[in-house]
């Protein structure tokens, strides 16, 4: 349970730290946009069960798939999509860390 709480906290803490570092005085808007990318987790509603703390979401959920991640990587080069793409890539990176943790704990 504490792993899930830490994981969810990081989904807001890391974008906050990135926004404060990259945008210094104008950090609030980028932070809000990156924090809102948590909405990508709505694709969990397509899974059965919806939440499984021992399931790696990368490659399992549609918006967490490798093709989707490739789109997020390409979108980072668009000035209009950069903040959203950065938020999504941070999200995927944190989920990837969680996948490594799950893998390590099950071995």
C-alpha atoms as a PDB file:
ATOM      1  CA  UNK A   1       0.000   0.000   0.000  1.00  0.00           C
ATOM      2  CA  UNK A   2       2.785   2.447   0.847  1.00  0.00           C
ATOM      3  CA  UNK A   3       4.415   1.769  -2.548  1.00  0.00           C
ATOM      4  CA  UNK A   4       1.185   2.884  -4.243  1.00  0.00           C
ATOM      5  CA  UNK A   5       1.021   6.048  -2.132  1.00  0.00           C
ATOM      6  CA  UNK A   6       4.659   6.889  -2.883  1.00  0.00           C
ATOM      7  CA  UNK A   7       4.111   6.158  -6.579  1.00  0.00           C
ATOM      8  CA  UNK A   8       1.078   8.444  -6.786  1.00  0.00           C
ATOM      9  CA  UNK A   9       2.853  11.188  -4.828  1.00  0.00           C
ATOM     10  CA  UNK A  10       5.760  11.064  -7.282  1.00  0.00           C
ATOM     11  CA  UNK A  11       3.318  11.601 -10.164  1.00  0.00           C
ATOM     12  CA  UNK A  12       2.799  15.100  -8.740  1.00  0.00           C
ATOM     13  CA  UNK A  13       6.121  15.771  -7.013  1.00  0.00           C
ATOM     14  CA  UNK A  14       8.344  15.094 -10.033  1.00  0.00           C
ATOM     15  CA  UNK A  15       6.354  17.381 -12.416  1.00  0.00           C
ATOM     16  CA  UNK A  16       6.418  20.039  -9.679  1.00  0.00           C
ATOM     17  CA  UNK A  17      10.202  19.813  -9.379  1.00  0.00           C
ATOM     18  CA  UNK A  18      10.657  19.814 -13.177  1.00  0.00           C
ATOM     19  CA  UNK A  19       8.369  22.840 -13.573  1.00  0.00           C
ATOM     20  CA  UNK A  20      10.098  24.770 -10.773  1.00  0.00           C
ATOM     21  CA  UNK A  21      13.499  23.988 -12.280  1.00  0.00           C
ATOM     22  CA  UNK A  22      12.735  24.535 -15.970  1.00  0.00           C
ATOM     23  CA  UNK A  23      10.288  27.429 -15.789  1.00  0.00           C
ATOM     24  CA  UNK A  24      11.490  29.106 -12.577  1.00  0.00           C
ATOM     25  CA  UNK A  25       9.074  32.052 -12.067  1.00  0.00           C
ATOM     26  CA  UNK A  26       6.426  30.848 -14.539  1.00  0.00           C
ATOM     27  CA  UNK A  27       6.247  27.295 -13.176  1.00  0.00           C
ATOM     28  CA  UNK A  28       2.555  27.065 -12.221  1.00  0.00           C
ATOM     29  CA  UNK A  29       1.003  26.577 -15.676  1.00  0.00           C
ATOM     30  CA  UNK A  30       3.534  23.908 -16.785  1.00  0.00           C
ATOM     31  CA  UNK A  31       3.093  22.143 -13.441  1.00  0.00           C
ATOM     32  CA  UNK A  32      -0.698  22.071 -13.773  1.00  0.00           C
ATOM     33  CA  UNK A  33      -0.493  20.751 -17.348  1.00  0.00           C
ATOM     34  CA  UNK A  34       2.030  18.056 -16.410  1.00  0.00           C
ATOM     35  CA  UNK A  35       0.033  17.104 -13.306  1.00  0.00           C
ATOM     36  CA  UNK A  36      -3.107  16.773 -15.439  1.00  0.00           C
ATOM     37  CA  UNK A  37      -1.383  14.126 -17.541  1.00  0.00           C
ATOM     38  CA  UNK A  38      -2.350  11.765 -14.704  1.00  0.00           C
ATOM     39  CA  UNK A  39      -5.573  11.540 -16.752  1.00  0.00           C
ATOM     40  CA  UNK A  40      -3.691   9.108 -19.004  1.00  0.00           C
ATOM     41  CA  UNK A  41      -4.486   6.564 -16.289  1.00  0.00           C
ATOM     42  CA  UNK A  42      -8.119   6.509 -17.446  1.00  0.00           C
ATOM     43  CA  UNK A  43      -7.003   3.702 -19.759  1.00  0.00           C
ATOM     44  CA  UNK A  44      -6.852   1.551 -16.615  1.00  0.00           C
ATOM     45  CA  UNK A  45     -10.658   1.474 -16.805  1.00  0.00           C
ATOM     46  CA  UNK A  46     -10.281  -0.884 -19.784  1.00  0.00           C
ATOM     47  CA  UNK A  47      -8.400  -3.453 -17.684  1.00  0.00           C
ATOM     48  CA  UNK A  48      -9.799  -6.233 -15.546  1.00  0.00           C
ATOM     49  CA  UNK A  49      -9.181  -5.716 -12.696  1.00  0.00           C
ATOM     50  CA  UNK A  50      -9.001  -1.927 -13.032  1.00  0.00           C
ATOM     51  CA  UNK A  51      -6.240  -1.716 -10.419  1.00  0.00           C
ATOM     52  CA  UNK A  52      -3.657  -4.401  -9.794  1.00  0.00           C
ATOM     53  CA  UNK A  53      -0.711  -3.200  -7.708  1.00  0.00           C
ATOM     54  CA  UNK A  54       1.438  -6.041  -9.076  1.00  0.00           C
ATOM     55  CA  UNK A  55       0.791  -5.393 -12.769  1.00  0.00           C
ATOM     56  CA  UNK A  56       3.191  -3.431 -14.940  1.00  0.00           C
ATOM     57  CA  UNK A  57       1.083  -0.929 -16.869  1.00  0.00           C
ATOM     58  CA  UNK A  58       3.726  -0.288 -19.536  1.00  0.00           C
ATOM     59  CA  UNK A  59       2.816  -2.269 -22.603  1.00  0.00           C
ATOM     60  CA  UNK A  60      -0.468  -3.367 -20.982  1.00  0.00           C
ATOM     61  CA  UNK A  61      -2.727  -0.302 -21.071  1.00  0.00           C
ATOM     62  CA  UNK A  62      -3.340   1.381 -24.467  1.00  0.00           C
ATOM     63  CA  UNK A  63      -2.053   4.843 -23.468  1.00  0.00           C
ATOM     64  CA  UNK A  64       0.909   3.179 -21.740  1.00  0.00           C
ATOM     65  CA  UNK A  65       1.847   1.145 -24.824  1.00  0.00           C
ATOM     66  CA  UNK A  66       5.178   1.396 -26.609  1.00  0.00           C
ATOM     67  CA  UNK A  67       3.591   3.006 -29.718  1.00  0.00           C
ATOM     68  CA  UNK A  68       1.920   5.609 -27.486  1.00  0.00           C
ATOM     69  CA  UNK A  69       5.238   6.299 -25.755  1.00  0.00           C
ATOM     70  CA  UNK A  70       6.839   6.771 -29.191  1.00  0.00           C
ATOM     71  CA  UNK A  71       4.168   9.399 -29.981  1.00  0.00           C
ATOM     72  CA  UNK A  72       4.957  11.168 -26.685  1.00  0.00           C
ATOM     73  CA  UNK A  73       8.650  11.175 -27.616  1.00  0.00           C
ATOM     74  CA  UNK A  74       7.921  12.715 -31.022  1.00  0.00           C
ATOM     75  CA  UNK A  75       5.522  15.251 -29.470  1.00  0.00           C
ATOM     76  CA  UNK A  76       8.288  16.616 -27.248  1.00  0.00           C
ATOM     77  CA  UNK A  77       9.705  18.288 -30.379  1.00  0.00           C
ATOM     78  CA  UNK A  78       6.508  20.314 -30.889  1.00  0.00           C
ATOM     79  CA  UNK A  79       6.542  23.606 -29.008  1.00  0.00           C
ATOM     80  CA  UNK A  80       2.730  23.408 -28.658  1.00  0.00           C
ATOM     81  CA  UNK A  81       2.775  19.877 -27.210  1.00  0.00           C
ATOM     82  CA  UNK A  82       6.066  19.941 -25.310  1.00  0.00           C
ATOM     83  CA  UNK A  83       4.686  20.394 -21.789  1.00  0.00           C
ATOM     84  CA  UNK A  84       2.021  17.701 -22.251  1.00  0.00           C
ATOM     85  CA  UNK A  85       4.554  15.347 -23.827  1.00  0.00           C
ATOM     86  CA  UNK A  86       7.013  15.989 -21.009  1.00  0.00           C
ATOM     87  CA  UNK A  87       4.321  15.230 -18.439  1.00  0.00           C
ATOM     88  CA  UNK A  88       3.403  12.015 -20.236  1.00  0.00           C
ATOM     89  CA  UNK A  89       7.034  10.917 -20.496  1.00  0.00           C
ATOM     90  CA  UNK A  90       7.578  11.639 -16.795  1.00  0.00           C
ATOM     91  CA  UNK A  91       4.465   9.559 -16.095  1.00  0.00           C
ATOM     92  CA  UNK A  92       5.747   6.667 -18.230  1.00  0.00           C
ATOM     93  CA  UNK A  93       9.176   6.898 -16.598  1.00  0.00           C
ATOM     94  CA  UNK A  94       7.667   6.683 -13.120  1.00  0.00           C
ATOM     95  CA  UNK A  95       5.499   3.766 -14.204  1.00  0.00           C
ATOM     96  CA  UNK A  96       8.627   2.142 -15.630  1.00  0.00           C
ATOM     97  CA  UNK A  97      10.367   2.482 -12.273  1.00  0.00           C
ATOM     98  CA  UNK A  98       7.332   0.874 -10.670  1.00  0.00           C
ATOM     99  CA  UNK A  99       7.555  -1.977 -13.203  1.00  0.00           C
ATOM    100  CA  UNK A 100      11.191  -2.528 -12.270  1.00  0.00           C
ATOM    101  CA  UNK A 101      10.208  -2.595  -8.595  1.00  0.00           C
ATOM    102  CA  UNK A 102       7.454  -5.163  -9.315  1.00  0.00           C
ATOM    103  CA  UNK A 103       9.887  -7.270 -11.341  1.00  0.00           C
ATOM    104  CA  UNK A 104      12.527  -7.106  -8.622  1.00  0.00           C
ATOM    105  CA  UNK A 105      10.054  -8.003  -5.853  1.00  0.00           C
ATOM    106  CA  UNK A 106       8.661 -11.040  -7.712  1.00  0.00           C
ATOM    107  CA  UNK A 107      12.047 -12.649  -8.351  1.00  0.00           C
END
